[in-house]
Amino acid sequence: MTQRLHLVFGGELVDPTKNAFKDVDAIDIVGMYPDYSSAYAAWKGAAQRTVDDAHMRYFIAHIHRLRDEEKESSTTEELGH
């Protein structure tokens, strides 16, 4: 069975219309989740806690898309990692 891992993270953005973090060292790692619905619930909770701050933004990263076991070379392997 293929795992569909999702990472929920966020932090303060330099500009609310962009996706660049003000301080990468201060990124809030909410957690890793085994399915999208769990990740979405965690994302929603984090986003609602910071709803009054327009510069705070949370994201869901689809970690399972970074590596495809069926391919000889994945995206991360092409980067040399």
C-alpha atoms as a PDB file:
ATOM      1  CA  MET A   1       0.000   0.000   0.000  1.00  0.00           C
ATOM      2  CA  THR A   2       1.346   3.426  -0.952  1.00  0.00           C
ATOM      3  CA  GLN A   3       1.616   5.990   1.809  1.00  0.00           C
ATOM      4  CA  ARG A   4       0.381   9.478   1.049  1.00  0.00           C
ATOM      5  CA  LEU A   5       2.316  11.589   3.546  1.00  0.00           C
ATOM      6  CA  HIS A   6       1.443  15.258   4.043  1.00  0.00           C
ATOM      7  CA  LEU A   7       3.425  17.896   5.948  1.00  0.00           C
ATOM      8  CA  VAL A   8       1.627  20.857   7.514  1.00  0.00           C
ATOM      9  CA  PHE A   9       3.782  23.913   8.167  1.00  0.00           C
ATOM     10  CA  GLY A  10       3.560  27.681   8.215  1.00  0.00           C
ATOM     11  CA  GLY A  11       4.894  30.943   9.462  1.00  0.00           C
ATOM     12  CA  GLU A  12       5.074  34.658   8.961  1.00  0.00           C
ATOM     13  CA  LEU A  13       5.362  35.801   5.365  1.00  0.00           C
ATOM     14  CA  VAL A  14       7.337  38.810   4.148  1.00  0.00           C
ATOM     15  CA  ASP A  15       4.309  39.894   2.116  1.00  0.00           C
ATOM     16  CA  PRO A  16       0.838  38.326   2.408  1.00  0.00           C
ATOM     17  CA  THR A  17       0.546  38.224  -1.389  1.00  0.00           C
ATOM     18  CA  LYS A  18       3.705  36.105  -1.742  1.00  0.00           C
ATOM     19  CA  ASN A  19       4.901  32.743  -0.352  1.00  0.00           C
ATOM     20  CA  ALA A  20       8.296  33.846   1.045  1.00  0.00           C
ATOM     21  CA  PHE A  21       8.803  33.375   4.786  1.00  0.00           C
ATOM     22  CA  LYS A  22      10.108  36.279   6.852  1.00  0.00           C
ATOM     23  CA  ASP A  23      12.262  33.969   9.032  1.00  0.00           C
ATOM     24  CA  VAL A  24      12.835  30.418   7.809  1.00  0.00           C
ATOM     25  CA  ASP A  25      14.236  29.447  11.221  1.00  0.00           C
ATOM     26  CA  ALA A  26      10.878  30.320  12.795  1.00  0.00           C
ATOM     27  CA  ILE A  27       8.724  28.113  10.546  1.00  0.00           C
ATOM     28  CA  ASP A  28       6.097  26.256  12.574  1.00  0.00           C
ATOM     29  CA  ILE A  29       6.155  22.546  11.724  1.00  0.00           C
ATOM     30  CA  VAL A  30       2.663  21.425  12.705  1.00  0.00           C
ATOM     31  CA  GLY A  31       3.253  17.777  11.790  1.00  0.00           C
ATOM     32  CA  MET A  32       3.314  14.932   9.285  1.00  0.00           C
ATOM     33  CA  TYR A  33       0.032  13.201   8.493  1.00  0.00           C
ATOM     34  CA  PRO A  34      -0.808   9.893   6.780  1.00  0.00           C
ATOM     35  CA  ASP A  35      -3.667  11.254   4.667  1.00  0.00           C
ATOM     36  CA  TYR A  36      -4.992  14.511   3.285  1.00  0.00           C
ATOM     37  CA  SER A  37      -8.039  14.697   5.558  1.00  0.00           C
ATOM     38  CA  SER A  38      -5.877  14.543   8.706  1.00  0.00           C
ATOM     39  CA  ALA A  39      -3.496  17.114   7.240  1.00  0.00           C
ATOM     40  CA  TYR A  40      -6.393  19.363   6.296  1.00  0.00           C
ATOM     41  CA  ALA A  41      -7.792  19.243   9.845  1.00  0.00           C
ATOM     42  CA  ALA A  42      -4.368  20.167  11.268  1.00  0.00           C
ATOM     43  CA  TRP A  43      -3.932  22.926   8.665  1.00  0.00           C
ATOM     44  CA  LYS A  44      -7.372  24.339   9.422  1.00  0.00           C
ATOM     45  CA  GLY A  45      -6.674  24.415  13.170  1.00  0.00           C
ATOM     46  CA  ALA A  46      -3.336  26.196  12.706  1.00  0.00           C
ATOM     47  CA  ALA A  47      -4.802  28.647  10.191  1.00  0.00           C
ATOM     48  CA  GLN A  48      -7.738  29.469  12.453  1.00  0.00           C
ATOM     49  CA  ARG A  49      -5.407  30.179  15.396  1.00  0.00           C
ATOM     50  CA  THR A  50      -3.649  32.840  13.320  1.00  0.00           C
ATOM     51  CA  VAL A  51      -6.623  34.190  11.339  1.00  0.00           C
ATOM     52  CA  ASP A  52      -6.157  37.737  12.681  1.00  0.00           C
ATOM     53  CA  ASP A  53      -2.582  37.987  11.352  1.00  0.00           C
ATOM     54  CA  ALA A  54      -2.604  38.530   7.571  1.00  0.00           C
ATOM     55  CA  HIS A  55       1.119  37.714   7.374  1.00  0.00           C
ATOM     56  CA  MET A  56       0.731  34.228   8.873  1.00  0.00           C
ATOM     57  CA  ARG A  57       0.075  31.433   6.414  1.00  0.00           C
ATOM     58  CA  TYR A  58      -0.036  27.644   6.671  1.00  0.00           C
ATOM     59  CA  PHE A  59       0.484  25.133   3.884  1.00  0.00           C
ATOM     60  CA  ILE A  60       0.025  21.425   3.170  1.00  0.00           C
ATOM     61  CA  ALA A  61       2.949  19.839   1.331  1.00  0.00           C
ATOM     62  CA  HIS A  62       2.292  16.561  -0.463  1.00  0.00           C
ATOM     63  CA  ILE A  63       5.460  14.753   0.637  1.00  0.00           C
ATOM     64  CA  HIS A  64       4.498  11.571  -1.208  1.00  0.00           C
ATOM     65  CA  ARG A  65       4.881  13.455  -4.496  1.00  0.00           C
ATOM     66  CA  LEU A  66       8.586  14.064  -3.880  1.00  0.00           C
ATOM     67  CA  ARG A  67       9.510  10.437  -4.410  1.00  0.00           C
ATOM     68  CA  ASP A  68       8.055   7.961  -6.834  1.00  0.00           C
ATOM     69  CA  GLU A  69       9.375   4.485  -6.051  1.00  0.00           C
ATOM     70  CA  GLU A  70       8.372   3.264  -9.512  1.00  0.00           C
ATOM     71  CA  LYS A  71      10.753   5.661 -11.287  1.00  0.00           C
ATOM     72  CA  GLU A  72      14.454   5.030 -11.659  1.00  0.00           C
ATOM     73  CA  SER A  73      15.164   8.644 -10.691  1.00  0.00           C
ATOM     74  CA  SER A  74      12.960  10.797  -8.481  1.00  0.00           C
ATOM     75  CA  THR A  75      12.869  14.567  -8.182  1.00  0.00           C
ATOM     76  CA  THR A  76      14.981  14.532  -5.012  1.00  0.00           C
ATOM     77  CA  GLU A  77      17.550  12.181  -6.547  1.00  0.00           C
ATOM     78  CA  GLU A  78      17.929  14.512  -9.528  1.00  0.00           C
ATOM     79  CA  LEU A  79      18.877  17.275  -7.087  1.00  0.00           C
ATOM     80  CA  GLY A  80      21.709  15.121  -5.767  1.00  0.00           C
ATOM     81  CA  HIS A  81      20.230  14.452  -2.325  1.00  0.00           C
END
